[in-house]
Amino acid sequence: SNIALRLLWVIIASVGGWLLYLINVNLMIYTGFFAG
Protein backbone atom coordinates (compact mmCIF):
# COMPACT_ATOMS: atom_id res chain seq x y z
CA SER A 1 0.00 0.00 0.00
CA ASN A 2 2.97 2.32 0.61
CA ILE A 3 4.24 1.66 -2.94
CA ALA A 4 0.73 2.20 -4.35
CA LEU A 5 0.48 5.53 -2.52
CA ARG A 6 3.88 6.60 -3.86
CA LEU A 7 2.84 5.59 -7.37
CA LEU A 8 -0.27 7.74 -6.99
CA TRP A 9 1.94 10.68 -6.00
CA VAL A 10 4.10 10.08 -9.09
CA ILE A 11 1.01 10.23 -11.30
CA ILE A 12 -0.23 13.38 -9.57
CA ALA A 13 3.20 15.01 -9.94
CA SER A 14 3.34 14.16 -13.64
CA VAL A 15 -0.13 15.53 -14.35
CA GLY A 16 0.57 18.56 -12.19
CA GLY A 17 3.74 19.25 -14.13
CA TRP A 18 1.83 19.30 -17.40
CA LEU A 19 -0.83 21.60 -15.96
CA LEU A 20 1.81 24.00 -14.67
CA TYR A 21 3.60 23.93 -18.02
CA LEU A 22 0.36 24.61 -19.93
CA ILE A 23 -0.60 27.50 -17.68
CA ASN A 24 2.91 28.94 -17.92
CA VAL A 25 3.13 28.82 -21.73
CA ASN A 26 -0.40 30.14 -22.24
CA LEU A 27 0.29 33.05 -19.89
CA MET A 28 3.49 33.82 -21.81
CA ILE A 29 1.54 33.82 -25.09
CA TYR A 30 -1.24 35.94 -23.57
CA THR A 31 1.17 38.54 -22.17
CA GLY A 32 3.15 38.67 -25.42
CA PHE A 33 6.32 37.25 -23.91
CA PHE A 34 6.13 34.37 -26.42
CA ALA A 35 5.07 35.91 -29.72
CA GLY A 36 2.02 34.48 -31.41
Full PDB file with SEQRES, HELIX, SHEET, SSBOND, CRYST1, ORIGX, SCALE, CONECT and MASTER records, all heavy atoms in Angstrom:
SEQRES   1 A   36  SER ASN ILE ALA LEU ARG LEU LEU TRP VAL ILE ILE ALA          
SEQRES   2 A   36  SER VAL GLY GLY TRP LEU LEU TYR LEU ILE ASN VAL ASN          
SEQRES   3 A   36  LEU MET ILE TYR THR GLY PHE PHE ALA GLY                      
HELIX    1 AA1 ASN A    2  THR A   31  1                                  30    
CRYST1    1.000    1.000    1.000  90.00  90.00  90.00 P 1           1          
ORIGX1      1.000000  0.000000  0.000000        0.00000                         
ORIGX2      0.000000  1.000000  0.000000        0.00000                         
ORIGX3      0.000000  0.000000  1.000000        0.00000                         
SCALE1      1.000000  0.000000  0.000000        0.00000                         
SCALE2      0.000000  1.000000  0.000000        0.00000                         
SCALE3      0.000000  0.000000  1.000000        0.00000                         
ATOM      1  N   SER A   1       0.831  -1.203   0.000  1.00  0.00           N  
ATOM      2  CA  SER A   1       0.000   0.000   0.000  1.00  0.00           C  
ATOM      3  C   SER A   1       0.867   1.255   0.000  1.00  0.00           C  
ATOM      4  O   SER A   1       0.476   2.275  -0.578  1.00  0.00           O  
ATOM      5  CB  SER A   1      -0.936  -0.003   1.204  1.00  0.00           C  
ATOM      6  OG  SER A   1      -0.207   0.087   2.402  1.00  0.00           O  
ATOM      7  N   ASN A   2       2.050   1.183   0.616  1.00  0.00           N  
ATOM      8  CA  ASN A   2       2.968   2.316   0.605  1.00  0.00           C  
ATOM      9  C   ASN A   2       3.467   2.569  -0.813  1.00  0.00           C  
ATOM     10  O   ASN A   2       3.549   3.720  -1.250  1.00  0.00           O  
ATOM     11  CB  ASN A   2       4.131   2.041   1.558  1.00  0.00           C  
ATOM     12  CG  ASN A   2       4.941   3.276   1.849  1.00  0.00           C  
ATOM     13  OD1 ASN A   2       4.566   4.377   1.494  1.00  0.00           O  
ATOM     14  ND2 ASN A   2       6.073   3.069   2.485  1.00  0.00           N  
ATOM     15  N   ILE A   3       3.789   1.519  -1.557  1.00  0.00           N  
ATOM     16  CA  ILE A   3       4.237   1.663  -2.942  1.00  0.00           C  
ATOM     17  C   ILE A   3       3.101   2.186  -3.812  1.00  0.00           C  
ATOM     18  O   ILE A   3       3.314   3.032  -4.687  1.00  0.00           O  
ATOM     19  CB  ILE A   3       4.795   0.328  -3.463  1.00  0.00           C  
ATOM     20  CG1 ILE A   3       6.126   0.022  -2.772  1.00  0.00           C  
ATOM     21  CG2 ILE A   3       4.979   0.356  -4.969  1.00  0.00           C  
ATOM     22  CD1 ILE A   3       6.705  -1.325  -3.119  1.00  0.00           C  
ATOM     23  N   ALA A   4       1.881   1.710  -3.577  1.00  0.00           N  
ATOM     24  CA  ALA A   4       0.733   2.197  -4.349  1.00  0.00           C  
ATOM     25  C   ALA A   4       0.492   3.678  -4.094  1.00  0.00           C  
ATOM     26  O   ALA A   4       0.181   4.438  -5.020  1.00  0.00           O  
ATOM     27  CB  ALA A   4      -0.505   1.383  -4.002  1.00  0.00           C  
ATOM     28  N   LEU A   5       0.647   4.111  -2.849  1.00  0.00           N  
ATOM     29  CA  LEU A   5       0.484   5.530  -2.520  1.00  0.00           C  
ATOM     30  C   LEU A   5       1.565   6.372  -3.184  1.00  0.00           C  
ATOM     31  O   LEU A   5       1.291   7.453  -3.712  1.00  0.00           O  
ATOM     32  CB  LEU A   5       0.514   5.716  -1.003  1.00  0.00           C  
ATOM     33  CG  LEU A   5       0.270   7.128  -0.500  1.00  0.00           C  
ATOM     34  CD1 LEU A   5      -1.135   7.582  -0.873  1.00  0.00           C  
ATOM     35  CD2 LEU A   5       0.463   7.190   1.001  1.00  0.00           C  
ATOM     36  N   ARG A   6       2.790   5.865  -3.193  1.00  0.00           N  
ATOM     37  CA  ARG A   6       3.876   6.597  -3.860  1.00  0.00           C  
ATOM     38  C   ARG A   6       3.653   6.658  -5.367  1.00  0.00           C  
ATOM     39  O   ARG A   6       3.938   7.679  -5.992  1.00  0.00           O  
ATOM     40  CB  ARG A   6       5.221   5.946  -3.559  1.00  0.00           C  
ATOM     41  CG  ARG A   6       5.676   6.169  -2.146  1.00  0.00           C  
ATOM     42  CD  ARG A   6       7.018   5.557  -1.919  1.00  0.00           C  
ATOM     43  NE  ARG A   6       7.410   5.673  -0.521  1.00  0.00           N  
ATOM     44  CZ  ARG A   6       8.563   5.270  -0.059  1.00  0.00           C  
ATOM     45  NH1 ARG A   6       9.448   4.707  -0.873  1.00  0.00           N  
ATOM     46  NH2 ARG A   6       8.856   5.410   1.214  1.00  0.00           N  
ATOM     47  N   LEU A   7       3.146   5.587  -5.940  1.00  0.00           N  
ATOM     48  CA  LEU A   7       2.842   5.590  -7.371  1.00  0.00           C  
ATOM     49  C   LEU A   7       1.741   6.601  -7.683  1.00  0.00           C  
ATOM     50  O   LEU A   7       1.793   7.293  -8.704  1.00  0.00           O  
ATOM     51  CB  LEU A   7       2.439   4.192  -7.835  1.00  0.00           C  
ATOM     52  CG  LEU A   7       2.212   4.027  -9.324  1.00  0.00           C  
ATOM     53  CD1 LEU A   7       3.486   4.314 -10.103  1.00  0.00           C  
ATOM     54  CD2 LEU A   7       1.723   2.629  -9.631  1.00  0.00           C  
ATOM     55  N   LEU A   8       0.778   6.731  -6.813  1.00  0.00           N  
ATOM     56  CA  LEU A   8      -0.266   7.740  -6.986  1.00  0.00           C  
ATOM     57  C   LEU A   8       0.328   9.141  -6.956  1.00  0.00           C  
ATOM     58  O   LEU A   8      -0.044  10.006  -7.755  1.00  0.00           O  
ATOM     59  CB  LEU A   8      -1.339   7.577  -5.901  1.00  0.00           C  
ATOM     60  CG  LEU A   8      -2.484   8.574  -5.941  1.00  0.00           C  
ATOM     61  CD1 LEU A   8      -3.304   8.378  -7.209  1.00  0.00           C  
ATOM     62  CD2 LEU A   8      -3.341   8.428  -4.709  1.00  0.00           C  
ATOM     63  N   TRP A   9       1.276   9.381  -6.062  1.00  0.00           N  
ATOM     64  CA  TRP A   9       1.942  10.684  -5.999  1.00  0.00           C  
ATOM     65  C   TRP A   9       2.747  10.956  -7.258  1.00  0.00           C  
ATOM     66  O   TRP A   9       2.823  12.094  -7.725  1.00  0.00           O  
ATOM     67  CB  TRP A   9       2.828  10.798  -4.769  1.00  0.00           C  
ATOM     68  CG  TRP A   9       2.057  11.149  -3.543  1.00  0.00           C  
ATOM     69  CD1 TRP A   9       1.820  10.346  -2.478  1.00  0.00           C  
ATOM     70  CD2 TRP A   9       1.395  12.389  -3.265  1.00  0.00           C  
ATOM     71  NE1 TRP A   9       1.044  11.010  -1.561  1.00  0.00           N  
ATOM     72  CE2 TRP A   9       0.776  12.270  -2.018  1.00  0.00           C  
ATOM     73  CE3 TRP A   9       1.268  13.579  -3.961  1.00  0.00           C  
ATOM     74  CZ2 TRP A   9       0.050  13.300  -1.446  1.00  0.00           C  
ATOM     75  CZ3 TRP A   9       0.535  14.613  -3.391  1.00  0.00           C  
ATOM     76  CH2 TRP A   9      -0.063  14.458  -2.150  1.00  0.00           C  
ATOM     77  N   VAL A  10       3.357   9.926  -7.832  1.00  0.00           N  
ATOM     78  CA  VAL A  10       4.098  10.084  -9.089  1.00  0.00           C  
ATOM     79  C   VAL A  10       3.149  10.507 -10.204  1.00  0.00           C  
ATOM     80  O   VAL A  10       3.449  11.413 -10.989  1.00  0.00           O  
ATOM     81  CB  VAL A  10       4.840   8.780  -9.450  1.00  0.00           C  
ATOM     82  CG1 VAL A  10       5.357   8.810 -10.869  1.00  0.00           C  
ATOM     83  CG2 VAL A  10       5.977   8.532  -8.479  1.00  0.00           C  
ATOM     84  N   ILE A  11       1.991   9.882 -10.269  1.00  0.00           N  
ATOM     85  CA  ILE A  11       1.009  10.232 -11.297  1.00  0.00           C  
ATOM     86  C   ILE A  11       0.505  11.657 -11.092  1.00  0.00           C  
ATOM     87  O   ILE A  11       0.394  12.431 -12.048  1.00  0.00           O  
ATOM     88  CB  ILE A  11      -0.151   9.215 -11.292  1.00  0.00           C  
ATOM     89  CG1 ILE A  11       0.363   7.848 -11.740  1.00  0.00           C  
ATOM     90  CG2 ILE A  11      -1.304   9.682 -12.174  1.00  0.00           C  
ATOM     91  CD1 ILE A  11      -0.615   6.718 -11.530  1.00  0.00           C  
ATOM     92  N   ILE A  12       0.229  12.025  -9.859  1.00  0.00           N  
ATOM     93  CA  ILE A  12      -0.233  13.384  -9.567  1.00  0.00           C  
ATOM     94  C   ILE A  12       0.843  14.400  -9.921  1.00  0.00           C  
ATOM     95  O   ILE A  12       0.550  15.467 -10.478  1.00  0.00           O  
ATOM     96  CB  ILE A  12      -0.666  13.494  -8.091  1.00  0.00           C  
ATOM     97  CG1 ILE A  12      -1.956  12.715  -7.873  1.00  0.00           C  
ATOM     98  CG2 ILE A  12      -0.835  14.947  -7.672  1.00  0.00           C  
ATOM     99  CD1 ILE A  12      -2.365  12.588  -6.417  1.00  0.00           C  
ATOM    100  N   ALA A  13       2.106  14.094  -9.617  1.00  0.00           N  
ATOM    101  CA  ALA A  13       3.201  15.010  -9.940  1.00  0.00           C  
ATOM    102  C   ALA A  13       3.357  15.167 -11.444  1.00  0.00           C  
ATOM    103  O   ALA A  13       3.597  16.274 -11.943  1.00  0.00           O  
ATOM    104  CB  ALA A  13       4.507  14.508  -9.314  1.00  0.00           C  
ATOM    105  N   SER A  14       3.207  14.083 -12.191  1.00  0.00           N  
ATOM    106  CA  SER A  14       3.335  14.156 -13.645  1.00  0.00           C  
ATOM    107  C   SER A  14       2.218  14.986 -14.259  1.00  0.00           C  
ATOM    108  O   SER A  14       2.465  15.839 -15.109  1.00  0.00           O  
ATOM    109  CB  SER A  14       3.330  12.760 -14.240  1.00  0.00           C  
ATOM    110  OG  SER A  14       4.472  12.057 -13.850  1.00  0.00           O  
ATOM    111  N   VAL A  15       1.004  14.747 -13.828  1.00  0.00           N  
ATOM    112  CA  VAL A  15      -0.130  15.530 -14.345  1.00  0.00           C  
ATOM    113  C   VAL A  15      -0.023  16.985 -13.903  1.00  0.00           C  
ATOM    114  O   VAL A  15      -0.282  17.909 -14.681  1.00  0.00           O  
ATOM    115  CB  VAL A  15      -1.470  14.897 -13.900  1.00  0.00           C  
ATOM    116  CG1 VAL A  15      -2.639  15.787 -14.240  1.00  0.00           C  
ATOM    117  CG2 VAL A  15      -1.637  13.532 -14.532  1.00  0.00           C  
ATOM    118  N   GLY A  16       0.388  17.199 -12.675  1.00  0.00           N  
ATOM    119  CA  GLY A  16       0.570  18.565 -12.186  1.00  0.00           C  
ATOM    120  C   GLY A  16       1.646  19.317 -12.938  1.00  0.00           C  
ATOM    121  O   GLY A  16       1.525  20.522 -13.176  1.00  0.00           O  
ATOM    122  N   GLY A  17       2.693  18.614 -13.338  1.00  0.00           N  
ATOM    123  CA  GLY A  17       3.743  19.246 -14.133  1.00  0.00           C  
ATOM    124  C   GLY A  17       3.239  19.714 -15.477  1.00  0.00           C  
ATOM    125  O   GLY A  17       3.579  20.802 -15.944  1.00  0.00           O  
ATOM    126  N   TRP A  18       2.396  18.889 -16.121  1.00  0.00           N  
ATOM    127  CA  TRP A  18       1.827  19.302 -17.402  1.00  0.00           C  
ATOM    128  C   TRP A  18       0.896  20.480 -17.237  1.00  0.00           C  
ATOM    129  O   TRP A  18       0.890  21.403 -18.053  1.00  0.00           O  
ATOM    130  CB  TRP A  18       1.089  18.147 -18.064  1.00  0.00           C  
ATOM    131  CG  TRP A  18       1.949  17.408 -19.017  1.00  0.00           C  
ATOM    132  CD1 TRP A  18       2.382  16.131 -18.878  1.00  0.00           C  
ATOM    133  CD2 TRP A  18       2.530  17.892 -20.222  1.00  0.00           C  
ATOM    134  NE1 TRP A  18       3.191  15.793 -19.930  1.00  0.00           N  
ATOM    135  CE2 TRP A  18       3.295  16.865 -20.775  1.00  0.00           C  
ATOM    136  CE3 TRP A  18       2.481  19.114 -20.882  1.00  0.00           C  
ATOM    137  CZ2 TRP A  18       4.000  17.011 -21.960  1.00  0.00           C  
ATOM    138  CZ3 TRP A  18       3.186  19.254 -22.069  1.00  0.00           C  
ATOM    139  CH2 TRP A  18       3.932  18.212 -22.589  1.00  0.00           C  
ATOM    140  N   LEU A  19       0.089  20.476 -16.184  1.00  0.00           N  
ATOM    141  CA  LEU A  19      -0.828  21.604 -15.963  1.00  0.00           C  
ATOM    142  C   LEU A  19      -0.062  22.893 -15.721  1.00  0.00           C  
ATOM    143  O   LEU A  19      -0.413  23.951 -16.257  1.00  0.00           O  
ATOM    144  CB  LEU A  19      -1.765  21.302 -14.796  1.00  0.00           C  
ATOM    145  CG  LEU A  19      -2.828  20.248 -15.058  1.00  0.00           C  
ATOM    146  CD1 LEU A  19      -3.612  19.963 -13.789  1.00  0.00           C  
ATOM    147  CD2 LEU A  19      -3.758  20.697 -16.162  1.00  0.00           C  
ATOM    148  N   LEU A  20       0.998  22.814 -14.935  1.00  0.00           N  
ATOM    149  CA  LEU A  20       1.809  24.002 -14.666  1.00  0.00           C  
ATOM    150  C   LEU A  20       2.484  24.490 -15.940  1.00  0.00           C  
ATOM    151  O   LEU A  20       2.544  25.693 -16.207  1.00  0.00           O  
ATOM    152  CB  LEU A  20       2.844  23.690 -13.586  1.00  0.00           C  
ATOM    153  CG  LEU A  20       3.683  24.855 -13.108  1.00  0.00           C  
ATOM    154  CD1 LEU A  20       2.806  25.910 -12.450  1.00  0.00           C  
ATOM    155  CD2 LEU A  20       4.740  24.376 -12.139  1.00  0.00           C  
ATOM    156  N   TYR A  21       2.978  23.556 -16.742  1.00  0.00           N  
ATOM    157  CA  TYR A  21       3.596  23.932 -18.021  1.00  0.00           C  
ATOM    158  C   TYR A  21       2.578  24.608 -18.942  1.00  0.00           C  
ATOM    159  O   TYR A  21       2.866  25.639 -19.555  1.00  0.00           O  
ATOM    160  CB  TYR A  21       4.190  22.692 -18.697  1.00  0.00           C  
ATOM    161  CG  TYR A  21       4.401  22.857 -20.170  1.00  0.00           C  
ATOM    162  CD1 TYR A  21       5.432  23.642 -20.659  1.00  0.00           C  
ATOM    163  CD2 TYR A  21       3.543  22.250 -21.083  1.00  0.00           C  
ATOM    164  CE1 TYR A  21       5.609  23.806 -22.023  1.00  0.00           C  
ATOM    165  CE2 TYR A  21       3.717  22.401 -22.438  1.00  0.00           C  
ATOM    166  CZ  TYR A  21       4.749  23.182 -22.909  1.00  0.00           C  
ATOM    167  OH  TYR A  21       4.921  23.347 -24.245  1.00  0.00           O  
ATOM    168  N   LEU A  22       1.386  24.030 -19.052  1.00  0.00           N  
ATOM    169  CA  LEU A  22       0.360  24.609 -19.932  1.00  0.00           C  
ATOM    170  C   LEU A  22      -0.056  26.002 -19.483  1.00  0.00           C  
ATOM    171  O   LEU A  22      -0.198  26.915 -20.299  1.00  0.00           O  
ATOM    172  CB  LEU A  22      -0.852  23.686 -19.991  1.00  0.00           C  
ATOM    173  CG  LEU A  22      -0.636  22.356 -20.703  1.00  0.00           C  
ATOM    174  CD1 LEU A  22      -1.853  21.468 -20.536  1.00  0.00           C  
ATOM    175  CD2 LEU A  22      -0.307  22.570 -22.153  1.00  0.00           C  
ATOM    176  N   ILE A  23      -0.238  26.173 -18.195  1.00  0.00           N  
ATOM    177  CA  ILE A  23      -0.601  27.498 -17.675  1.00  0.00           C  
ATOM    178  C   ILE A  23       0.516  28.491 -17.947  1.00  0.00           C  
ATOM    179  O   ILE A  23       0.280  29.630 -18.373  1.00  0.00           O  
ATOM    180  CB  ILE A  23      -0.928  27.404 -16.169  1.00  0.00           C  
ATOM    181  CG1 ILE A  23      -2.236  26.651 -15.963  1.00  0.00           C  
ATOM    182  CG2 ILE A  23      -0.997  28.791 -15.539  1.00  0.00           C  
ATOM    183  CD1 ILE A  23      -2.515  26.284 -14.518  1.00  0.00           C  
ATOM    184  N   ASN A  24       1.756  28.069 -17.727  1.00  0.00           N  
ATOM    185  CA  ASN A  24       2.906  28.940 -17.924  1.00  0.00           C  
ATOM    186  C   ASN A  24       3.032  29.393 -19.377  1.00  0.00           C  
ATOM    187  O   ASN A  24       3.178  30.582 -19.655  1.00  0.00           O  
ATOM    188  CB  ASN A  24       4.175  28.203 -17.478  1.00  0.00           C  
ATOM    189  CG  ASN A  24       5.414  29.019 -17.651  1.00  0.00           C  
ATOM    190  OD1 ASN A  24       5.399  30.224 -17.475  1.00  0.00           O  
ATOM    191  ND2 ASN A  24       6.491  28.365 -17.998  1.00  0.00           N  
ATOM    192  N   VAL A  25       2.968  28.460 -20.312  1.00  0.00           N  
ATOM    193  CA  VAL A  25       3.127  28.819 -21.726  1.00  0.00           C  
ATOM    194  C   VAL A  25       1.954  29.664 -22.209  1.00  0.00           C  
ATOM    195  O   VAL A  25       2.148  30.647 -22.934  1.00  0.00           O  
ATOM    196  CB  VAL A  25       3.310  27.549 -22.585  1.00  0.00           C  
ATOM    197  CG1 VAL A  25       3.220  27.870 -24.060  1.00  0.00           C  
ATOM    198  CG2 VAL A  25       4.642  26.901 -22.273  1.00  0.00           C  
ATOM    199  N   ASN A  26       0.748  29.334 -21.809  1.00  0.00           N  
ATOM    200  CA  ASN A  26      -0.401  30.139 -22.236  1.00  0.00           C  
ATOM    201  C   ASN A  26      -0.355  31.541 -21.657  1.00  0.00           C  
ATOM    202  O   ASN A  26      -0.743  32.500 -22.331  1.00  0.00           O  
ATOM    203  CB  ASN A  26      -1.704  29.441 -21.852  1.00  0.00           C  
ATOM    204  CG  ASN A  26      -2.011  28.300 -22.783  1.00  0.00           C  
ATOM    205  OD1 ASN A  26      -1.830  28.415 -23.982  1.00  0.00           O  
ATOM    206  ND2 ASN A  26      -2.465  27.192 -22.236  1.00  0.00           N  
ATOM    207  N   LEU A  27       0.128  31.698 -20.433  1.00  0.00           N  
ATOM    208  CA  LEU A  27       0.292  33.049 -19.889  1.00  0.00           C  
ATOM    209  C   LEU A  27       1.380  33.822 -20.633  1.00  0.00           C  
ATOM    210  O   LEU A  27       1.247  35.031 -20.836  1.00  0.00           O  
ATOM    211  CB  LEU A  27       0.626  32.983 -18.394  1.00  0.00           C  
ATOM    212  CG  LEU A  27      -0.545  32.708 -17.463  1.00  0.00           C  
ATOM    213  CD1 LEU A  27      -0.058  32.559 -16.026  1.00  0.00           C  
ATOM    214  CD2 LEU A  27      -1.568  33.829 -17.547  1.00  0.00           C  
ATOM    215  N   MET A  28       2.439  33.135 -21.048  1.00  0.00           N  
ATOM    216  CA  MET A  28       3.486  33.823 -21.815  1.00  0.00           C  
ATOM    217  C   MET A  28       2.973  34.245 -23.185  1.00  0.00           C  
ATOM    218  O   MET A  28       3.334  35.309 -23.684  1.00  0.00           O  
ATOM    219  CB  MET A  28       4.718  32.930 -21.945  1.00  0.00           C  
ATOM    220  CG  MET A  28       5.512  32.840 -20.673  1.00  0.00           C  
ATOM    221  SD  MET A  28       7.116  32.077 -20.890  1.00  0.00           S  
ATOM    222  CE  MET A  28       6.657  30.370 -21.055  1.00  0.00           C  
ATOM    223  N   ILE A  29       2.129  33.439 -23.812  1.00  0.00           N  
ATOM    224  CA  ILE A  29       1.537  33.822 -25.092  1.00  0.00           C  
ATOM    225  C   ILE A  29       0.565  34.976 -24.891  1.00  0.00           C  
ATOM    226  O   ILE A  29       0.549  35.945 -25.656  1.00  0.00           O  
ATOM    227  CB  ILE A  29       0.845  32.618 -25.759  1.00  0.00           C  
ATOM    228  CG1 ILE A  29       1.886  31.585 -26.182  1.00  0.00           C  
ATOM    229  CG2 ILE A  29       0.022  33.048 -26.966  1.00  0.00           C  
ATOM    230  CD1 ILE A  29       1.289  30.266 -26.632  1.00  0.00           C  
ATOM    231  N   TYR A  30      -0.245  34.905 -23.838  1.00  0.00           N  
ATOM    232  CA  TYR A  30      -1.239  35.944 -23.572  1.00  0.00           C  
ATOM    233  C   TYR A  30      -0.587  37.291 -23.280  1.00  0.00           C  
ATOM    234  O   TYR A  30      -1.062  38.328 -23.734  1.00  0.00           O  
ATOM    235  CB  TYR A  30      -2.124  35.517 -22.396  1.00  0.00           C  
ATOM    236  CG  TYR A  30      -3.167  36.536 -22.019  1.00  0.00           C  
ATOM    237  CD1 TYR A  30      -4.277  36.747 -22.825  1.00  0.00           C  
ATOM    238  CD2 TYR A  30      -3.041  37.281 -20.852  1.00  0.00           C  
ATOM    239  CE1 TYR A  30      -5.228  37.683 -22.486  1.00  0.00           C  
ATOM    240  CE2 TYR A  30      -3.983  38.218 -20.501  1.00  0.00           C  
ATOM    241  CZ  TYR A  30      -5.082  38.413 -21.324  1.00  0.00           C  
ATOM    242  OH  TYR A  30      -6.016  39.343 -20.985  1.00  0.00           O  
ATOM    243  N   THR A  31       0.502  37.281 -22.527  1.00  0.00           N  
ATOM    244  CA  THR A  31       1.168  38.540 -22.173  1.00  0.00           C  
ATOM    245  C   THR A  31       2.089  39.039 -23.279  1.00  0.00           C  
ATOM    246  O   THR A  31       2.626  40.138 -23.176  1.00  0.00           O  
ATOM    247  CB  THR A  31       1.983  38.384 -20.878  1.00  0.00           C  
ATOM    248  OG1 THR A  31       2.941  37.351 -21.050  1.00  0.00           O  
ATOM    249  CG2 THR A  31       1.087  38.088 -19.699  1.00  0.00           C  
ATOM    250  N   GLY A  32       2.299  38.251 -24.321  1.00  0.00           N  
ATOM    251  CA  GLY A  32       3.151  38.669 -25.420  1.00  0.00           C  
ATOM    252  C   GLY A  32       4.614  38.334 -25.236  1.00  0.00           C  
ATOM    253  O   GLY A  32       5.456  38.713 -26.043  1.00  0.00           O  
ATOM    254  N   PHE A  33       4.932  37.635 -24.162  1.00  0.00           N  
ATOM    255  CA  PHE A  33       6.321  37.246 -23.906  1.00  0.00           C  
ATOM    256  C   PHE A  33       6.778  36.219 -24.936  1.00  0.00           C  
ATOM    257  O   PHE A  33       7.937  36.199 -25.336  1.00  0.00           O  
ATOM    258  CB  PHE A  33       6.432  36.703 -22.483  1.00  0.00           C  
ATOM    259  CG  PHE A  33       7.831  36.504 -22.010  1.00  0.00           C  
ATOM    260  CD1 PHE A  33       8.653  37.590 -21.793  1.00  0.00           C  
ATOM    261  CD2 PHE A  33       8.319  35.242 -21.777  1.00  0.00           C  
ATOM    262  CE1 PHE A  33       9.948  37.419 -21.361  1.00  0.00           C  
ATOM    263  CE2 PHE A  33       9.610  35.055 -21.342  1.00  0.00           C  
ATOM    264  CZ  PHE A  33      10.427  36.146 -21.135  1.00  0.00           C  
ATOM    265  N   PHE A  34       5.879  35.354 -25.358  1.00  0.00           N  
ATOM    266  CA  PHE A  34       6.126  34.374 -26.415  1.00  0.00           C  
ATOM    267  C   PHE A  34       5.232  34.783 -27.568  1.00  0.00           C  
ATOM    268  O   PHE A  34       4.017  34.649 -27.504  1.00  0.00           O  
ATOM    269  CB  PHE A  34       5.803  32.973 -25.913  1.00  0.00           C  
ATOM    270  CG  PHE A  34       6.187  31.850 -26.833  1.00  0.00           C  
ATOM    271  CD1 PHE A  34       7.333  31.900 -27.591  1.00  0.00           C  
ATOM    272  CD2 PHE A  34       5.409  30.721 -26.911  1.00  0.00           C  
ATOM    273  CE1 PHE A  34       7.695  30.854 -28.418  1.00  0.00           C  
ATOM    274  CE2 PHE A  34       5.760  29.657 -27.731  1.00  0.00           C  
ATOM    275  CZ  PHE A  34       6.906  29.739 -28.489  1.00  0.00           C  
ATOM    276  N   ALA A  35       5.831  35.303 -28.635  1.00  0.00           N  
ATOM    277  CA  ALA A  35       5.075  35.911 -29.723  1.00  0.00           C  
ATOM    278  C   ALA A  35       4.172  34.894 -30.419  1.00  0.00           C  
ATOM    279  O   ALA A  35       4.559  33.754 -30.658  1.00  0.00           O  
ATOM    280  CB  ALA A  35       6.032  36.521 -30.735  1.00  0.00           C  
ATOM    281  N   GLY A  36       2.971  35.332 -30.720  1.00  0.00           N  
ATOM    282  CA  GLY A  36       2.023  34.476 -31.413  1.00  0.00           C  
ATOM    283  C   GLY A  36       2.483  34.098 -32.811  1.00  0.00           C  
ATOM    284  O   GLY A  36       2.139  33.042 -33.320  1.00  0.00           O  
TER     285      GLY A  36                                                      
MASTER        0    0    0    1    0    0    0    6  284    1    0    3          
END                                                                             
